[in-house]
């Protein structure tokens, strides 16, 4: 599933409007970034291939020991079957997300997601505001990860627990099948936090970062 398939045009418009509403009251920029996966995770395909090949070889040994009528003795055929098992394993990992996740540790996915979020923060120039008041809401769907990153102008006065609470709320909405509601509420809450900390809109305020959603 692609990011565009996860949201209807109306839902994307709701998220855009939430950004505009929140930014209309604050001297800050809110940048939602949504990606399907934070990495290609080719290592998962290799692991699945090894498991598939090993499983086929194990079956060949079992048949040889206990089911002689199905035993395979031709070395070339054994090689082909083992390679086929590896190929099938790799293809399953490549095309079936639950299989790919089984091949990956949570810590490995967390690391990949954090790295991708940091890259997105730079690529989307969230730091490129006069007072360093950019906030990025990063969601990576494959890993089921949500990260809120604030630039140093905000992070020095807003405690991390505020962003952690926003992350928890988004995840709760995702579990309920209300992802758009969660994102919309998170964006508006970011605006409220900045207002509470005194980041009010000024007469010379300009929209420093485009309001378009970043979908990958």
Protein backbone atom coordinates (compact mmCIF):
# COMPACT_ATOMS: atom_id res chain seq x y z
CA UNK A 1 0.00 0.00 0.00
CA UNK A 2 1.27 3.46 -0.89
CA UNK A 3 0.87 6.58 1.22
CA UNK A 4 -1.58 8.00 -1.33
CA UNK A 5 -3.75 4.91 -0.90
CA UNK A 6 -3.84 5.32 2.86
CA UNK A 7 -5.49 8.74 2.69
CA UNK A 8 -8.36 10.04 0.60
CA UNK A 9 -8.06 13.51 -0.99
CA UNK A 10 -10.53 14.80 1.61
CA UNK A 11 -8.41 13.44 4.46
CA UNK A 12 -5.27 15.03 3.02
CA UNK A 13 -7.12 18.34 2.78
CA UNK A 14 -8.14 18.02 6.44
CA UNK A 15 -4.51 17.59 7.45
CA UNK A 16 -3.40 20.55 5.30
CA UNK A 17 -6.12 22.73 6.79
CA UNK A 18 -5.09 21.71 10.30
CA UNK A 19 -1.55 22.90 9.53
CA UNK A 20 -2.87 26.25 8.23
CA UNK A 21 -5.14 26.67 11.25
CA UNK A 22 -2.38 25.91 13.74
CA UNK A 23 0.18 28.12 11.99
CA UNK A 24 -2.24 31.06 11.73
CA UNK A 25 -1.81 31.67 15.47
CA UNK A 26 1.87 30.88 16.02
CA UNK A 27 5.32 32.00 14.94
CA UNK A 28 6.30 28.49 14.03
CA UNK A 29 6.10 25.96 11.21
CA UNK A 30 4.54 22.48 11.40
CA UNK A 31 5.70 19.96 8.81
CA UNK A 32 3.93 16.57 8.54
CA UNK A 33 6.08 13.91 6.83
CA UNK A 34 4.59 10.49 6.03
CA UNK A 35 6.59 7.60 4.61
CA UNK A 36 5.55 4.02 3.89
CA UNK A 37 8.90 2.59 5.08
CA UNK A 38 11.99 4.18 6.58
CA UNK A 39 14.32 1.74 4.82
CA UNK A 40 14.26 -0.92 2.10
CA UNK A 41 15.43 -3.47 4.68
CA UNK A 42 17.19 -5.69 2.16
CA UNK A 43 18.75 -7.57 5.06
CA UNK A 44 15.28 -8.96 5.79
CA UNK A 45 15.15 -10.46 2.29
CA UNK A 46 18.55 -12.11 2.79
CA UNK A 47 17.48 -13.54 6.13
CA UNK A 48 14.25 -14.87 4.69
CA UNK A 49 16.18 -16.40 1.78
CA UNK A 50 18.51 -18.20 4.18
CA UNK A 51 15.58 -19.47 6.23
CA UNK A 52 13.74 -20.62 3.09
CA UNK A 53 16.81 -22.43 1.77
CA UNK A 54 17.51 -24.01 5.15
CA UNK A 55 13.88 -25.15 5.47
CA UNK A 56 13.98 -26.89 2.09
CA UNK A 57 17.29 -28.58 2.90
CA UNK A 58 15.87 -29.72 6.24
CA UNK A 59 12.87 -31.25 4.48
CA UNK A 60 15.16 -33.06 2.05
CA UNK A 61 17.01 -34.58 5.00
CA UNK A 62 13.75 -35.55 6.74
CA UNK A 63 12.40 -37.20 3.58
CA UNK A 64 15.66 -39.04 3.12
CA UNK A 65 15.46 -40.41 6.67
CA UNK A 66 11.76 -41.04 7.15
CA UNK A 67 10.00 -40.92 3.77
CA UNK A 68 12.29 -42.69 1.31
CA UNK A 69 9.69 -42.60 -1.43
CA UNK A 70 10.01 -38.80 -1.52
CA UNK A 71 13.77 -38.69 -1.05
CA UNK A 72 15.91 -36.66 -3.46
CA UNK A 73 19.40 -37.90 -4.30
CA UNK A 74 20.32 -35.93 -7.40
CA UNK A 75 22.82 -33.22 -6.27
CA UNK A 76 21.70 -30.86 -9.03
CA UNK A 77 18.04 -31.25 -8.07
CA UNK A 78 18.92 -30.72 -4.39
CA UNK A 79 20.77 -27.53 -5.33
CA UNK A 80 17.84 -26.29 -7.43
CA UNK A 81 15.31 -27.01 -4.69
CA UNK A 82 17.40 -25.27 -2.04
CA UNK A 83 17.86 -22.24 -4.28
CA UNK A 84 14.13 -22.22 -5.02
CA UNK A 85 13.38 -22.26 -1.30
CA UNK A 86 15.70 -19.31 -0.82
CA UNK A 87 14.11 -17.43 -3.70
CA UNK A 88 10.59 -17.99 -2.38
CA UNK A 89 11.66 -16.86 1.09
CA UNK A 90 13.19 -13.67 -0.29
CA UNK A 91 10.11 -12.90 -2.41
CA UNK A 92 7.81 -13.37 0.56
CA UNK A 93 9.87 -10.96 2.60
CA UNK A 94 9.99 -8.47 -0.26
CA UNK A 95 6.25 -8.41 -0.96
CA UNK A 96 4.61 -9.39 2.35
CA UNK A 97 5.18 -6.83 5.09
CA UNK A 98 4.38 -9.10 8.06
CA UNK A 99 7.03 -11.55 6.82
CA UNK A 100 9.55 -8.73 6.45
CA UNK A 101 8.84 -7.56 10.00
CA UNK A 102 9.49 -11.07 11.31
CA UNK A 103 12.98 -10.85 9.85
CA UNK A 104 13.77 -7.59 11.67
CA UNK A 105 14.31 -6.74 15.32
CA UNK A 106 12.40 -3.85 16.85
CA UNK A 107 15.65 -2.09 17.76
CA UNK A 108 16.83 -2.31 14.13
CA UNK A 109 13.58 -0.76 12.88
CA UNK A 110 13.70 1.92 15.58
CA UNK A 111 17.21 2.86 14.50
CA UNK A 112 16.23 2.99 10.83
CA UNK A 113 13.17 5.11 11.59
CA UNK A 114 15.11 7.57 13.72
CA UNK A 115 17.74 7.92 11.01
CA UNK A 116 15.09 8.46 8.32
CA UNK A 117 13.33 11.07 10.47
CA UNK A 118 16.59 12.96 10.98
CA UNK A 119 17.22 12.88 7.24
CA UNK A 120 13.70 14.15 6.53
CA UNK A 121 14.19 16.97 9.05
CA UNK A 122 17.17 18.16 7.00
CA UNK A 123 15.73 17.45 3.55
CA UNK A 124 12.53 19.34 4.29
CA UNK A 125 14.56 22.18 5.86
CA UNK A 126 12.46 22.19 9.02
CA UNK A 127 15.38 24.04 10.61
CA UNK A 128 15.13 26.84 8.05
CA UNK A 129 13.13 29.37 10.09
CA UNK A 130 14.30 32.65 11.56
CA UNK A 131 13.80 31.65 15.19
CA UNK A 132 14.38 27.89 14.67
CA UNK A 133 10.72 27.18 15.45
CA UNK A 134 9.98 24.27 13.13
CA UNK A 135 8.20 21.08 14.21
CA UNK A 136 8.14 17.88 12.18
CA UNK A 137 5.53 15.16 12.71
CA UNK A 138 7.07 12.06 11.14
CA UNK A 139 5.07 8.85 10.61
CA UNK A 140 6.55 5.67 9.15
CA UNK A 141 3.75 3.16 8.58
CA UNK A 142 5.67 -0.07 8.04
CA UNK A 143 7.40 0.25 11.42
CA UNK A 144 4.31 1.69 13.14
CA UNK A 145 6.53 4.52 14.35
CA UNK A 146 5.68 8.16 15.12
CA UNK A 147 8.34 10.76 15.87
CA UNK A 148 7.84 14.44 16.71
CA UNK A 149 10.99 16.54 16.28
CA UNK A 150 11.21 20.20 17.25
CA UNK A 151 13.98 22.59 16.31
CA UNK A 152 16.18 24.06 19.03
CA UNK A 153 14.18 27.29 19.31
CA UNK A 154 11.28 25.20 20.62
CA UNK A 155 13.00 22.23 22.23
CA UNK A 156 14.83 24.45 24.70
CA UNK A 157 11.53 25.57 26.26
CA UNK A 158 9.24 22.58 25.61
CA UNK A 159 9.84 19.36 27.54
CA UNK A 160 10.12 16.06 25.69
CA UNK A 161 7.12 14.68 27.58
CA UNK A 162 4.88 17.06 25.61
CA UNK A 163 5.96 15.47 22.32
CA UNK A 164 5.75 11.98 23.83
CA UNK A 165 2.12 12.65 24.75
CA UNK A 166 1.37 13.69 21.16
CA UNK A 167 3.01 10.53 19.86
CA UNK A 168 0.89 8.38 22.20
CA UNK A 169 -2.30 10.09 21.05
CA UNK A 170 -1.49 9.51 17.38
CA UNK A 171 -0.76 5.84 18.05
CA UNK A 172 -4.05 5.48 19.96
CA UNK A 173 -5.96 6.90 16.99
CA UNK A 174 -4.08 4.63 14.58
CA UNK A 175 -5.09 1.57 16.61
CA UNK A 176 -8.70 2.75 16.43
CA UNK A 177 -8.48 3.18 12.67
CA UNK A 178 -8.73 6.96 12.96
CA UNK A 179 -5.30 7.99 11.65
CA UNK A 180 -6.50 11.28 10.11
CA UNK A 181 -8.21 12.31 13.34
CA UNK A 182 -5.02 11.57 15.22
CA UNK A 183 -2.79 13.57 12.90
CA UNK A 184 -5.22 16.48 12.83
CA UNK A 185 -5.40 16.55 16.63
CA UNK A 186 -1.60 16.29 16.90
CA UNK A 187 -1.05 19.24 14.58
CA UNK A 188 -3.52 21.40 16.48
CA UNK A 189 -1.94 20.35 19.78
CA UNK A 190 1.48 21.41 18.49
CA UNK A 191 0.00 24.82 17.79
CA UNK A 192 -1.47 25.00 21.29
CA UNK A 193 1.87 24.11 22.88
CA UNK A 194 3.64 26.88 20.98
CA UNK A 195 0.96 29.36 22.00
CA UNK A 196 1.34 28.30 25.63
CA UNK A 197 5.09 28.92 25.39
CA UNK A 198 4.67 32.37 23.89
CA UNK A 199 5.37 31.65 20.23
CA UNK A 200 2.56 33.91 19.06
CA UNK A 201 2.24 35.15 15.51
CA UNK A 202 3.88 38.54 14.88
CA UNK A 203 2.89 41.30 12.42
CA UNK A 204 5.90 40.55 10.23
CA UNK A 205 5.36 36.79 10.30
CA UNK A 206 5.62 34.99 6.98
CA UNK A 207 4.99 31.39 5.99
CA UNK A 208 8.60 30.21 5.89
CA UNK A 209 7.92 26.59 4.91
CA UNK A 210 5.35 25.40 2.40
CA UNK A 211 2.19 23.82 3.81
CA UNK A 212 2.19 20.89 1.39
CA UNK A 213 2.23 17.44 2.96
CA UNK A 214 5.41 15.41 2.45
CA UNK A 215 4.35 11.96 1.24
CA UNK A 216 6.83 9.26 0.26
